[in-house]
């Protein structure tokens, strides 16, 4: 069964093009190192909830959009191997400087998931 890394973050609308460029580069690196799929989605229908929601989770500010992303791997073992290689890839060094990211990394959250259902 596959393994999935999921990410949620807030991106200022005026930096979305910068984020898209960064995501395309990152996706290329992940795929070259063996990820099966790399997907980045911009929020289109993410209402504010009463108790929990995507906007609340990232402390969404006016002029920002929620981004929901995931990377699919063959297995947890492959994910660990691939991520180790990705983090050592020199192409990502310049993109991962926290001061130049097109979003606030402090409001990003992520995790690794084992699928419960695959159809």
PDB file of N, CA and C in Angstrom:
ATOM      1  N   UNK A   1       0.841  -1.184   0.000  1.00  0.00           N
ATOM      2  CA  UNK A   1       0.000   0.000   0.000  1.00  0.00           C
ATOM      3  C   UNK A   1       0.885   1.245   0.000  1.00  0.00           C
ATOM      4  N   UNK A   2       0.442   2.298  -0.625  1.00  0.00           N
ATOM      5  CA  UNK A   2       1.202   3.545  -0.756  1.00  0.00           C
ATOM      6  C   UNK A   2       1.370   4.248   0.587  1.00  0.00           C
ATOM      7  N   UNK A   3       2.142   5.316   0.553  1.00  0.00           N
ATOM      8  CA  UNK A   3       2.335   6.178   1.719  1.00  0.00           C
ATOM      9  C   UNK A   3       2.209   7.614   1.226  1.00  0.00           C
ATOM     10  N   UNK A   4       1.621   8.487   2.048  1.00  0.00           N
ATOM     11  CA  UNK A   4       1.335   9.857   1.628  1.00  0.00           C
ATOM     12  C   UNK A   4       1.860  10.858   2.648  1.00  0.00           C
ATOM     13  N   UNK A   5       2.577  11.877   2.166  1.00  0.00           N
ATOM     14  CA  UNK A   5       2.905  13.047   2.975  1.00  0.00           C
ATOM     15  C   UNK A   5       1.899  14.124   2.614  1.00  0.00           C
ATOM     16  N   UNK A   6       1.281  14.748   3.613  1.00  0.00           N
ATOM     17  CA  UNK A   6       0.315  15.813   3.372  1.00  0.00           C
ATOM     18  C   UNK A   6       0.777  17.109   4.006  1.00  0.00           C
ATOM     19  N   UNK A   7       0.440  18.238   3.366  1.00  0.00           N
ATOM     20  CA  UNK A   7       0.850  19.570   3.809  1.00  0.00           C
ATOM     21  C   UNK A   7      -0.309  20.539   3.681  1.00  0.00           C
ATOM     22  N   UNK A   8      -0.417  21.469   4.627  1.00  0.00           N
ATOM     23  CA  UNK A   8      -1.398  22.552   4.537  1.00  0.00           C
ATOM     24  C   UNK A   8      -0.688  23.831   4.965  1.00  0.00           C
ATOM     25  N   UNK A   9      -0.887  24.906   4.200  1.00  0.00           N
ATOM     26  CA  UNK A   9      -0.245  26.186   4.495  1.00  0.00           C
ATOM     27  C   UNK A   9      -1.056  27.329   3.914  1.00  0.00           C
ATOM     28  N   UNK A  10      -0.706  28.537   4.291  1.00  0.00           N
ATOM     29  CA  UNK A  10      -1.345  29.749   3.772  1.00  0.00           C
ATOM     30  C   UNK A  10      -0.345  30.489   2.898  1.00  0.00           C
ATOM     31  N   UNK A  11      -0.801  30.918   1.725  1.00  0.00           N
ATOM     32  CA  UNK A  11       0.052  31.649   0.798  1.00  0.00           C
ATOM     33  C   UNK A  11      -0.625  32.979   0.470  1.00  0.00           C
ATOM     34  N   UNK A  12       0.083  34.092   0.592  1.00  0.00           N
ATOM     35  CA  UNK A  12      -0.500  35.370   0.174  1.00  0.00           C
ATOM     36  C   UNK A  12      -0.871  35.302  -1.311  1.00  0.00           C
ATOM     37  N   UNK A  13      -2.059  35.802  -1.637  1.00  0.00           N
ATOM     38  CA  UNK A  13      -2.517  35.748  -3.024  1.00  0.00           C
ATOM     39  C   UNK A  13      -1.525  36.399  -3.978  1.00  0.00           C
ATOM     40  N   UNK A  14      -0.870  37.465  -3.541  1.00  0.00           N
ATOM     41  CA  UNK A  14       0.081  38.138  -4.423  1.00  0.00           C
ATOM     42  C   UNK A  14       1.417  37.400  -4.536  1.00  0.00           C
ATOM     43  N   UNK A  15       1.583  36.292  -3.819  1.00  0.00           N
ATOM     44  CA  UNK A  15       2.798  35.458  -3.916  1.00  0.00           C
ATOM     45  C   UNK A  15       2.481  34.069  -4.488  1.00  0.00           C
ATOM     46  N   UNK A  16       1.237  33.876  -4.922  1.00  0.00           N
ATOM     47  CA  UNK A  16       0.833  32.564  -5.415  1.00  0.00           C
ATOM     48  C   UNK A  16       1.628  32.145  -6.654  1.00  0.00           C
ATOM     49  N   UNK A  17       1.936  33.060  -7.546  1.00  0.00           N
ATOM     50  CA  UNK A  17       2.742  32.724  -8.727  1.00  0.00           C
ATOM     51  C   UNK A  17       4.147  32.294  -8.303  1.00  0.00           C
ATOM     52  N   UNK A  18       4.716  32.978  -7.298  1.00  0.00           N
ATOM     53  CA  UNK A  18       6.034  32.588  -6.771  1.00  0.00           C
ATOM     54  C   UNK A  18       5.960  31.196  -6.155  1.00  0.00           C
ATOM     55  N   UNK A  19       4.882  30.943  -5.408  1.00  0.00           N
ATOM     56  CA  UNK A  19       4.708  29.631  -4.785  1.00  0.00           C
ATOM     57  C   UNK A  19       4.590  28.552  -5.861  1.00  0.00           C
ATOM     58  N   UNK A  20       3.823  28.827  -6.909  1.00  0.00           N
ATOM     59  CA  UNK A  20       3.645  27.852  -7.986  1.00  0.00           C
ATOM     60  C   UNK A  20       4.989  27.517  -8.637  1.00  0.00           C
ATOM     61  N   UNK A  21       5.811  28.516  -8.883  1.00  0.00           N
ATOM     62  CA  UNK A  21       7.144  28.266  -9.468  1.00  0.00           C
ATOM     63  C   UNK A  21       7.989  27.384  -8.536  1.00  0.00           C
ATOM     64  N   UNK A  22       7.968  27.713  -7.244  1.00  0.00           N
ATOM     65  CA  UNK A  22       8.718  26.928  -6.269  1.00  0.00           C
ATOM     66  C   UNK A  22       8.191  25.494  -6.224  1.00  0.00           C
ATOM     67  N   UNK A  23       6.868  25.332  -6.202  1.00  0.00           N
ATOM     68  CA  UNK A  23       6.256  24.007  -6.120  1.00  0.00           C
ATOM     69  C   UNK A  23       6.592  23.165  -7.347  1.00  0.00           C
ATOM     70  N   UNK A  24       6.608  23.779  -8.520  1.00  0.00           N
ATOM     71  CA  UNK A  24       6.969  23.029  -9.730  1.00  0.00           C
ATOM     72  C   UNK A  24       8.397  22.501  -9.634  1.00  0.00           C
ATOM     73  N   UNK A  25       9.304  23.338  -9.144  1.00  0.00           N
ATOM     74  CA  UNK A  25      10.697  22.905  -8.981  1.00  0.00           C
ATOM     75  C   UNK A  25      10.791  21.789  -7.944  1.00  0.00           C
ATOM     76  N   UNK A  26      10.120  21.977  -6.823  1.00  0.00           N
ATOM     77  CA  UNK A  26      10.148  20.944  -5.773  1.00  0.00           C
ATOM     78  C   UNK A  26       9.549  19.642  -6.282  1.00  0.00           C
ATOM     79  N   UNK A  27       8.422  19.731  -6.960  1.00  0.00           N
ATOM     80  CA  UNK A  27       7.776  18.534  -7.492  1.00  0.00           C
ATOM     81  C   UNK A  27       8.675  17.775  -8.441  1.00  0.00           C
ATOM     82  N   UNK A  28       9.402  18.508  -9.266  1.00  0.00           N
ATOM     83  CA  UNK A  28      10.330  17.868 -10.199  1.00  0.00           C
ATOM     84  C   UNK A  28      11.409  17.098  -9.435  1.00  0.00           C
ATOM     85  N   UNK A  29      11.940  17.709  -8.383  1.00  0.00           N
ATOM     86  CA  UNK A  29      12.983  17.053  -7.580  1.00  0.00           C
ATOM     87  C   UNK A  29      12.423  15.808  -6.902  1.00  0.00           C
ATOM     88  N   UNK A  30      11.245  15.927  -6.272  1.00  0.00           N
ATOM     89  CA  UNK A  30      10.655  14.762  -5.594  1.00  0.00           C
ATOM     90  C   UNK A  30      10.408  13.630  -6.585  1.00  0.00           C
ATOM     91  N   UNK A  31       9.854  13.955  -7.746  1.00  0.00           N
ATOM     92  CA  UNK A  31       9.562  12.924  -8.745  1.00  0.00           C
ATOM     93  C   UNK A  31      10.847  12.279  -9.261  1.00  0.00           C
ATOM     94  N   UNK A  32      11.893  13.090  -9.490  1.00  0.00           N
ATOM     95  CA  UNK A  32      13.165  12.526  -9.963  1.00  0.00           C
ATOM     96  C   UNK A  32      13.772  11.569  -8.944  1.00  0.00           C
ATOM     97  N   UNK A  33      13.493  11.805  -7.666  1.00  0.00           N
ATOM     98  CA  UNK A  33      14.041  10.931  -6.623  1.00  0.00           C
ATOM     99  C   UNK A  33      13.130   9.747  -6.315  1.00  0.00           C
ATOM    100  N   UNK A  34      11.960   9.663  -6.991  1.00  0.00           N
ATOM    101  CA  UNK A  34      11.145   8.464  -6.851  1.00  0.00           C
ATOM    102  C   UNK A  34       9.727   8.629  -6.359  1.00  0.00           C
ATOM    103  N   UNK A  35       9.292   9.834  -6.011  1.00  0.00           N
ATOM    104  CA  UNK A  35       7.896  10.005  -5.598  1.00  0.00           C
ATOM    105  C   UNK A  35       6.988   9.626  -6.762  1.00  0.00           C
ATOM    106  N   UNK A  36       5.867   8.988  -6.456  1.00  0.00           N
ATOM    107  CA  UNK A  36       4.927   8.565  -7.494  1.00  0.00           C
ATOM    108  C   UNK A  36       4.071   9.718  -7.992  1.00  0.00           C
ATOM    109  N   UNK A  37       3.740  10.651  -7.114  1.00  0.00           N
ATOM    110  CA  UNK A  37       2.912  11.810  -7.488  1.00  0.00           C
ATOM    111  C   UNK A  37       3.226  12.963  -6.555  1.00  0.00           C
ATOM    112  N   UNK A  38       3.047  14.172  -7.080  1.00  0.00           N
ATOM    113  CA  UNK A  38       3.280  15.397  -6.317  1.00  0.00           C
ATOM    114  C   UNK A  38       2.167  16.361  -6.722  1.00  0.00           C
ATOM    115  N   UNK A  39       1.327  16.765  -5.759  1.00  0.00           N
ATOM    116  CA  UNK A  39       0.152  17.582  -6.075  1.00  0.00           C
ATOM    117  C   UNK A  39       0.084  18.779  -5.136  1.00  0.00           C
ATOM    118  N   UNK A  40      -0.161  19.955  -5.708  1.00  0.00           N
ATOM    119  CA  UNK A  40      -0.346  21.196  -4.949  1.00  0.00           C
ATOM    120  C   UNK A  40      -1.695  21.778  -5.363  1.00  0.00           C
ATOM    121  N   UNK A  41      -2.559  22.092  -4.406  1.00  0.00           N
ATOM    122  CA  UNK A  41      -3.896  22.609  -4.697  1.00  0.00           C
ATOM    123  C   UNK A  41      -4.126  23.927  -3.959  1.00  0.00           C
ATOM    124  N   UNK A  42      -4.730  24.869  -4.665  1.00  0.00           N
ATOM    125  CA  UNK A  42      -5.081  26.164  -4.092  1.00  0.00           C
ATOM    126  C   UNK A  42      -6.540  26.126  -3.665  1.00  0.00           C
ATOM    127  N   UNK A  43      -6.821  26.592  -2.445  1.00  0.00           N
ATOM    128  CA  UNK A  43      -8.175  26.546  -1.914  1.00  0.00           C
ATOM    129  C   UNK A  43      -9.171  27.279  -2.792  1.00  0.00           C
ATOM    130  N   UNK A  44     -10.301  26.622  -3.046  1.00  0.00           N
ATOM    131  CA  UNK A  44     -11.357  27.190  -3.859  1.00  0.00           C
ATOM    132  C   UNK A  44     -12.674  27.230  -3.083  1.00  0.00           C
ATOM    133  N   UNK A  45     -12.877  26.261  -2.221  1.00  0.00           N
ATOM    134  CA  UNK A  45     -14.102  26.165  -1.427  1.00  0.00           C
ATOM    135  C   UNK A  45     -13.712  25.689  -0.031  1.00  0.00           C
ATOM    136  N   UNK A  46     -13.116  26.591   0.752  1.00  0.00           N
ATOM    137  CA  UNK A  46     -12.631  26.247   2.089  1.00  0.00           C
ATOM    138  C   UNK A  46     -13.235  27.225   3.107  1.00  0.00           C
ATOM    139  N   UNK A  47     -14.492  26.977   3.487  1.00  0.00           N
ATOM    140  CA  UNK A  47     -15.169  27.904   4.397  1.00  0.00           C
ATOM    141  C   UNK A  47     -14.576  27.883   5.805  1.00  0.00           C
ATOM    142  N   UNK A  48     -14.767  28.989   6.494  1.00  0.00           N
ATOM    143  CA  UNK A  48     -14.380  29.096   7.907  1.00  0.00           C
ATOM    144  C   UNK A  48     -15.356  28.251   8.711  1.00  0.00           C
ATOM    145  N   UNK A  49     -14.830  27.418   9.581  1.00  0.00           N
ATOM    146  CA  UNK A  49     -15.685  26.561  10.388  1.00  0.00           C
ATOM    147  C   UNK A  49     -16.015  27.193  11.731  1.00  0.00           C
ATOM    148  N   UNK A  50     -16.937  26.565  12.447  1.00  0.00           N
ATOM    149  CA  UNK A  50     -17.277  27.047  13.795  1.00  0.00           C
ATOM    150  C   UNK A  50     -16.228  26.604  14.804  1.00  0.00           C
ATOM    151  N   UNK A  51     -15.717  25.383  14.630  1.00  0.00           N
ATOM    152  CA  UNK A  51     -14.749  24.838  15.582  1.00  0.00           C
ATOM    153  C   UNK A  51     -13.385  24.580  14.945  1.00  0.00           C
ATOM    154  N   UNK A  52     -13.407  23.981  13.742  1.00  0.00           N
ATOM    155  CA  UNK A  52     -12.157  23.716  13.032  1.00  0.00           C
ATOM    156  C   UNK A  52     -12.380  23.930  11.539  1.00  0.00           C
ATOM    157  N   UNK A  53     -11.309  24.221  10.835  1.00  0.00           N
ATOM    158  CA  UNK A  53     -11.363  24.370   9.378  1.00  0.00           C
ATOM    159  C   UNK A  53      -9.940  24.581   8.870  1.00  0.00           C
ATOM    160  N   UNK A  54      -9.776  24.467   7.570  1.00  0.00           N
ATOM    161  CA  UNK A  54      -8.477  24.761   6.983  1.00  0.00           C
ATOM    162  C   UNK A  54      -8.055  26.206   7.268  1.00  0.00           C
ATOM    163  N   UNK A  55      -8.933  27.203   7.063  1.00  0.00           N
ATOM    164  CA  UNK A  55      -8.511  28.587   7.360  1.00  0.00           C
ATOM    165  C   UNK A  55      -8.081  28.780   8.820  1.00  0.00           C
ATOM    166  N   UNK A  56      -8.808  28.162   9.742  1.00  0.00           N
ATOM    167  CA  UNK A  56      -8.434  28.302  11.151  1.00  0.00           C
ATOM    168  C   UNK A  56      -7.108  27.599  11.444  1.00  0.00           C
ATOM    169  N   UNK A  57      -6.896  26.455  10.822  1.00  0.00           N
ATOM    170  CA  UNK A  57      -5.690  25.678  11.095  1.00  0.00           C
ATOM    171  C   UNK A  57      -4.420  26.432  10.705  1.00  0.00           C
ATOM    172  N   UNK A  58      -4.488  27.228   9.622  1.00  0.00           N
ATOM    173  CA  UNK A  58      -3.303  27.970   9.176  1.00  0.00           C
ATOM    174  C   UNK A  58      -3.357  29.439   9.594  1.00  0.00           C
ATOM    175  N   UNK A  59      -4.359  29.791  10.410  1.00  0.00           N
ATOM    176  CA  UNK A  59      -4.541  31.185  10.849  1.00  0.00           C
ATOM    177  C   UNK A  59      -4.562  32.117   9.633  1.00  0.00           C
ATOM    178  N   UNK A  60      -5.441  31.757   8.685  1.00  0.00           N
ATOM    179  CA  UNK A  60      -5.550  32.483   7.418  1.00  0.00           C
ATOM    180  C   UNK A  60      -5.836  33.961   7.650  1.00  0.00           C
ATOM    181  N   UNK A  61      -5.086  34.793   6.957  1.00  0.00           N
ATOM    182  CA  UNK A  61      -5.245  36.246   7.037  1.00  0.00           C
ATOM    183  C   UNK A  61      -5.915  36.745   5.761  1.00  0.00           C
ATOM    184  N   UNK A  62      -6.519  37.933   5.799  1.00  0.00           N
ATOM    185  CA  UNK A  62      -7.087  38.495   4.575  1.00  0.00           C
ATOM    186  C   UNK A  62      -6.015  38.569   3.484  1.00  0.00           C
ATOM    187  N   UNK A  63      -6.412  38.237   2.258  1.00  0.00           N
ATOM    188  CA  UNK A  63      -5.469  38.278   1.145  1.00  0.00           C
ATOM    189  C   UNK A  63      -4.617  37.025   1.005  1.00  0.00           C
ATOM    190  N   UNK A  64      -4.952  35.972   1.760  1.00  0.00           N
ATOM    191  CA  UNK A  64      -4.222  34.707   1.659  1.00  0.00           C
ATOM    192  C   UNK A  64      -5.155  33.607   1.170  1.00  0.00           C
ATOM    193  N   UNK A  65      -4.553  32.549   0.654  1.00  0.00           N
ATOM    194  CA  UNK A  65      -5.293  31.381   0.197  1.00  0.00           C
ATOM    195  C   UNK A  65      -4.689  30.138   0.859  1.00  0.00           C
ATOM    196  N   UNK A  66      -5.544  29.167   1.173  1.00  0.00           N
ATOM    197  CA  UNK A  66      -5.077  27.903   1.742  1.00  0.00           C
ATOM    198  C   UNK A  66      -4.532  27.033   0.603  1.00  0.00           C
ATOM    199  N   UNK A  67      -3.380  26.416   0.840  1.00  0.00           N
ATOM    200  CA  UNK A  67      -2.807  25.455  -0.102  1.00  0.00           C
ATOM    201  C   UNK A  67      -2.764  24.101   0.600  1.00  0.00           C
ATOM    202  N   UNK A  68      -3.274  23.097  -0.095  1.00  0.00           N
ATOM    203  CA  UNK A  68      -3.324  21.724   0.395  1.00  0.00           C
ATOM    204  C   UNK A  68      -2.528  20.881  -0.601  1.00  0.00           C
ATOM    205  N   UNK A  69      -1.542  20.142  -0.109  1.00  0.00           N
ATOM    206  CA  UNK A  69      -0.621  19.432  -0.987  1.00  0.00           C
ATOM    207  C   UNK A  69      -0.365  18.028  -0.475  1.00  0.00           C
ATOM    208  N   UNK A  70       0.026  17.166  -1.410  1.00  0.00           N
ATOM    209  CA  UNK A  70       0.417  15.828  -0.991  1.00  0.00           C
ATOM    210  C   UNK A  70       1.404  15.223  -1.964  1.00  0.00           C
ATOM    211  N   UNK A  71       2.188  14.299  -1.430  1.00  0.00           N
ATOM    212  CA  UNK A  71       3.162  13.546  -2.214  1.00  0.00           C
ATOM    213  C   UNK A  71       2.881  12.075  -1.944  1.00  0.00           C
ATOM    214  N   UNK A  72       2.837  11.281  -3.006  1.00  0.00           N
ATOM    215  CA  UNK A  72       2.559   9.850  -2.858  1.00  0.00           C
ATOM    216  C   UNK A  72       3.825   9.056  -3.143  1.00  0.00           C
ATOM    217  N   UNK A  73       4.055   8.072  -2.290  1.00  0.00           N
ATOM    218  CA  UNK A  73       5.207   7.190  -2.401  1.00  0.00           C
ATOM    219  C   UNK A  73       4.726   5.744  -2.459  1.00  0.00           C
ATOM    220  N   UNK A  74       5.594   4.865  -2.878  1.00  0.00           N
ATOM    221  CA  UNK A  74       5.267   3.435  -2.929  1.00  0.00           C
ATOM    222  C   UNK A  74       5.052   2.877  -1.519  1.00  0.00           C
ATOM    223  N   UNK A  75       5.848   3.359  -0.555  1.00  0.00           N
ATOM    224  CA  UNK A  75       5.782   2.837   0.812  1.00  0.00           C
ATOM    225  C   UNK A  75       6.410   3.850   1.776  1.00  0.00           C
ATOM    226  N   UNK A  76       6.248   3.620   3.060  1.00  0.00           N
ATOM    227  CA  UNK A  76       6.901   4.477   4.070  1.00  0.00           C
ATOM    228  C   UNK A  76       8.424   4.379   3.916  1.00  0.00           C
ATOM    229  N   UNK A  77       8.896   3.191   3.654  1.00  0.00           N
ATOM    230  CA  UNK A  77      10.342   3.002   3.472  1.00  0.00           C
ATOM    231  C   UNK A  77      10.851   3.837   2.287  1.00  0.00           C
ATOM    232  N   UNK A  78      10.119   3.799   1.166  1.00  0.00           N
ATOM    233  CA  UNK A  78      10.501   4.620   0.014  1.00  0.00           C
ATOM    234  C   UNK A  78      10.433   6.102   0.359  1.00  0.00           C
ATOM    235  N   UNK A  79       9.400   6.505   1.078  1.00  0.00           N
ATOM    236  CA  UNK A  79       9.264   7.913   1.469  1.00  0.00           C
ATOM    237  C   UNK A  79      10.467   8.372   2.270  1.00  0.00           C
ATOM    238  N   UNK A  80      10.884   7.589   3.243  1.00  0.00           N
ATOM    239  CA  UNK A  80      12.031   7.971   4.067  1.00  0.00           C
ATOM    240  C   UNK A  80      13.309   8.076   3.232  1.00  0.00           C
ATOM    241  N   UNK A  81      13.510   7.120   2.329  1.00  0.00           N
ATOM    242  CA  UNK A  81      14.679   7.126   1.446  1.00  0.00           C
ATOM    243  C   UNK A  81      14.636   8.334   0.506  1.00  0.00           C
ATOM    244  N   UNK A  82      13.496   8.573  -0.117  1.00  0.00           N
ATOM    245  CA  UNK A  82      13.345   9.675  -1.069  1.00  0.00           C
ATOM    246  C   UNK A  82      13.519  11.021  -0.373  1.00  0.00           C
ATOM    247  N   UNK A  83      12.883  11.199   0.779  1.00  0.00           N
ATOM    248  CA  UNK A  83      12.997  12.485   1.476  1.00  0.00           C
ATOM    249  C   UNK A  83      14.432  12.771   1.916  1.00  0.00           C
ATOM    250  N   UNK A  84      15.155  11.744   2.285  1.00  0.00           N
ATOM    251  CA  UNK A  84      16.563  11.942   2.643  1.00  0.00           C
ATOM    252  C   UNK A  84      17.342  12.459   1.442  1.00  0.00           C
ATOM    253  N   UNK A  85      17.087  11.885   0.282  1.00  0.00           N
ATOM    254  CA  UNK A  85      17.768  12.333  -0.937  1.00  0.00           C
ATOM    255  C   UNK A  85      17.322  13.743  -1.337  1.00  0.00           C
ATOM    256  N   UNK A  86      16.032  14.000  -1.229  1.00  0.00           N
ATOM    257  CA  UNK A  86      15.509  15.325  -1.592  1.00  0.00           C
ATOM    258  C   UNK A  86      16.132  16.398  -0.708  1.00  0.00           C
ATOM    259  N   UNK A  87      16.183  16.159   0.587  1.00  0.00           N
ATOM    260  CA  UNK A  87      16.725  17.159   1.510  1.00  0.00           C
ATOM    261  C   UNK A  87      18.215  17.410   1.275  1.00  0.00           C
ATOM    262  N   UNK A  88      18.899  16.458   0.665  1.00  0.00           N
ATOM    263  CA  UNK A  88      20.323  16.636   0.359  1.00  0.00           C
ATOM    264  C   UNK A  88      20.539  17.192  -1.056  1.00  0.00           C
ATOM    265  N   UNK A  89      19.481  17.340  -1.819  1.00  0.00           N
ATOM    266  CA  UNK A  89      19.600  17.795  -3.211  1.00  0.00           C
ATOM    267  C   UNK A  89      19.938  19.288  -3.236  1.00  0.00           C
ATOM    268  N   UNK A  90      21.041  19.666  -3.862  1.00  0.00           N
ATOM    269  CA  UNK A  90      21.468  21.072  -3.860  1.00  0.00           C
ATOM    270  C   UNK A  90      20.504  22.007  -4.577  1.00  0.00           C
ATOM    271  N   UNK A  91      19.640  21.487  -5.437  1.00  0.00           N
ATOM    272  CA  UNK A  91      18.676  22.344  -6.135  1.00  0.00           C
ATOM    273  C   UNK A  91      17.653  22.956  -5.193  1.00  0.00           C
ATOM    274  N   UNK A  92      17.456  22.353  -4.028  1.00  0.00           N
ATOM    275  CA  UNK A  92      16.464  22.870  -3.087  1.00  0.00           C
ATOM    276  C   UNK A  92      17.044  23.852  -2.081  1.00  0.00           C
ATOM    277  N   UNK A  93      18.366  23.891  -1.955  1.00  0.00           N
ATOM    278  CA  UNK A  93      18.987  24.766  -0.949  1.00  0.00           C
ATOM    279  C   UNK A  93      18.520  26.211  -1.063  1.00  0.00           C
ATOM    280  N   UNK A  94      18.581  26.768  -2.254  1.00  0.00           N
ATOM    281  CA  UNK A  94      18.215  28.171  -2.426  1.00  0.00           C
ATOM    282  C   UNK A  94      16.728  28.404  -2.200  1.00  0.00           C
ATOM    283  N   UNK A  95      15.902  27.388  -2.463  1.00  0.00           N
ATOM    284  CA  UNK A  95      14.453  27.548  -2.291  1.00  0.00           C
ATOM    285  C   UNK A  95      14.010  27.409  -0.843  1.00  0.00           C
ATOM    286  N   UNK A  96      14.799  26.792  -0.005  1.00  0.00           N
ATOM    287  CA  UNK A  96      14.368  26.492   1.346  1.00  0.00           C
ATOM    288  C   UNK A  96      14.840  27.499   2.392  1.00  0.00           C
ATOM    289  N   UNK A  97      15.390  28.606   1.973  1.00  0.00           N
ATOM    290  CA  UNK A  97      15.776  29.658   2.898  1.00  0.00           C
ATOM    291  C   UNK A  97      14.497  30.273   3.475  1.00  0.00           C
ATOM    292  N   UNK A  98      14.249  30.150   4.789  1.00  0.00           N
ATOM    293  CA  UNK A  98      13.001  30.640   5.377  1.00  0.00           C
ATOM    294  C   UNK A  98      12.716  32.113   5.095  1.00  0.00           C
ATOM    295  N   UNK A  99      13.746  32.901   4.890  1.00  0.00           N
ATOM    296  CA  UNK A  99      13.521  34.332   4.642  1.00  0.00           C
ATOM    297  C   UNK A  99      13.051  34.611   3.216  1.00  0.00           C
ATOM    298  N   UNK A 100      13.205  33.648   2.314  1.00  0.00           N
ATOM    299  CA  UNK A 100      12.789  33.888   0.933  1.00  0.00           C
ATOM    300  C   UNK A 100      11.573  33.061   0.507  1.00  0.00           C
ATOM    301  N   UNK A 101      11.019  32.273   1.410  1.00  0.00           N
ATOM    302  CA  UNK A 101       9.839  31.477   1.067  1.00  0.00           C
ATOM    303  C   UNK A 101       8.653  32.391   0.758  1.00  0.00           C
ATOM    304  N   UNK A 102       7.809  32.018  -0.204  1.00  0.00           N
ATOM    305  CA  UNK A 102       6.643  32.840  -0.526  1.00  0.00           C
ATOM    306  C   UNK A 102       5.446  32.570   0.398  1.00  0.00           C
ATOM    307  N   UNK A 103       5.707  32.099   1.595  1.00  0.00           N
ATOM    308  CA  UNK A 103       4.657  31.837   2.594  1.00  0.00           C
ATOM    309  C   UNK A 103       5.298  31.830   3.966  1.00  0.00           C
ATOM    310  N   UNK A 104       4.461  31.863   4.998  1.00  0.00           N
ATOM    311  CA  UNK A 104       4.927  31.834   6.382  1.00  0.00           C
ATOM    312  C   UNK A 104       5.037  30.380   6.842  1.00  0.00           C
ATOM    313  N   UNK A 105       6.248  29.860   6.866  1.00  0.00           N
ATOM    314  CA  UNK A 105       6.475  28.469   7.236  1.00  0.00           C
ATOM    315  C   UNK A 105       6.041  28.117   8.648  1.00  0.00           C
ATOM    316  N   UNK A 106       5.896  29.112   9.511  1.00  0.00           N
ATOM    317  CA  UNK A 106       5.475  28.845  10.888  1.00  0.00           C
ATOM    318  C   UNK A 106       4.015  28.415  10.964  1.00  0.00           C
ATOM    319  N   UNK A 107       3.239  28.723   9.925  1.00  0.00           N
ATOM    320  CA  UNK A 107       1.824  28.352   9.915  1.00  0.00           C
ATOM    321  C   UNK A 107       1.550  27.149   9.029  1.00  0.00           C
ATOM    322  N   UNK A 108       2.595  26.488   8.579  1.00  0.00           N
ATOM    323  CA  UNK A 108       2.466  25.277   7.766  1.00  0.00           C
ATOM    324  C   UNK A 108       2.440  24.061   8.691  1.00  0.00           C
ATOM    325  N   UNK A 109       1.614  23.068   8.319  1.00  0.00           N
ATOM    326  CA  UNK A 109       1.682  21.807   9.061  1.00  0.00           C
ATOM    327  C   UNK A 109       1.660  20.651   8.074  1.00  0.00           C
ATOM    328  N   UNK A 110       2.179  19.509   8.528  1.00  0.00           N
ATOM    329  CA  UNK A 110       2.366  18.374   7.639  1.00  0.00           C
ATOM    330  C   UNK A 110       2.405  17.094   8.441  1.00  0.00           C
ATOM    331  N   UNK A 111       2.341  15.996   7.729  1.00  0.00           N
ATOM    332  CA  UNK A 111       2.442  14.691   8.375  1.00  0.00           C
ATOM    333  C   UNK A 111       2.475  13.592   7.350  1.00  0.00           C
ATOM    334  N   UNK A 112       2.866  12.394   7.787  1.00  0.00           N
ATOM    335  CA  UNK A 112       2.884  11.205   6.945  1.00  0.00           C
ATOM    336  C   UNK A 112       1.704  10.317   7.276  1.00  0.00           C
ATOM    337  N   UNK A 113       1.102   9.721   6.249  1.00  0.00           N
ATOM    338  CA  UNK A 113      -0.145   8.970   6.422  1.00  0.00           C
ATOM    339  C   UNK A 113      -0.107   7.643   5.679  1.00  0.00           C
ATOM    340  N   UNK A 114      -0.640   6.616   6.352  1.00  0.00           N
ATOM    341  CA  UNK A 114      -0.887   5.318   5.730  1.00  0.00           C
ATOM    342  C   UNK A 114      -2.329   5.341   5.223  1.00  0.00           C
ATOM    343  N   UNK A 115      -2.555   5.050   3.945  1.00  0.00           N
ATOM    344  CA  UNK A 115      -3.926   5.043   3.444  1.00  0.00           C
ATOM    345  C   UNK A 115      -4.786   4.001   4.157  1.00  0.00           C
ATOM    346  N   UNK A 116      -6.033   4.362   4.394  1.00  0.00           N
ATOM    347  CA  UNK A 116      -7.005   3.426   4.969  1.00  0.00           C
ATOM    348  C   UNK A 116      -7.804   2.733   3.873  1.00  0.00           C
ATOM    349  N   UNK A 117      -8.059   3.469   2.791  1.00  0.00           N
ATOM    350  CA  UNK A 117      -8.818   2.955   1.668  1.00  0.00           C
ATOM    351  C   UNK A 117      -8.160   3.418   0.379  1.00  0.00           C
ATOM    352  N   UNK A 118      -7.968   2.536  -0.554  1.00  0.00           N
ATOM    353  CA  UNK A 118      -7.486   2.883  -1.896  1.00  0.00           C
ATOM    354  C   UNK A 118      -8.410   2.217  -2.891  1.00  0.00           C
ATOM    355  N   UNK A 119      -9.058   3.014  -3.731  1.00  0.00           N
ATOM    356  CA  UNK A 119      -9.990   2.476  -4.730  1.00  0.00           C
ATOM    357  C   UNK A 119      -9.484   2.732  -6.131  1.00  0.00           C
TER     358      UNK A 119
END
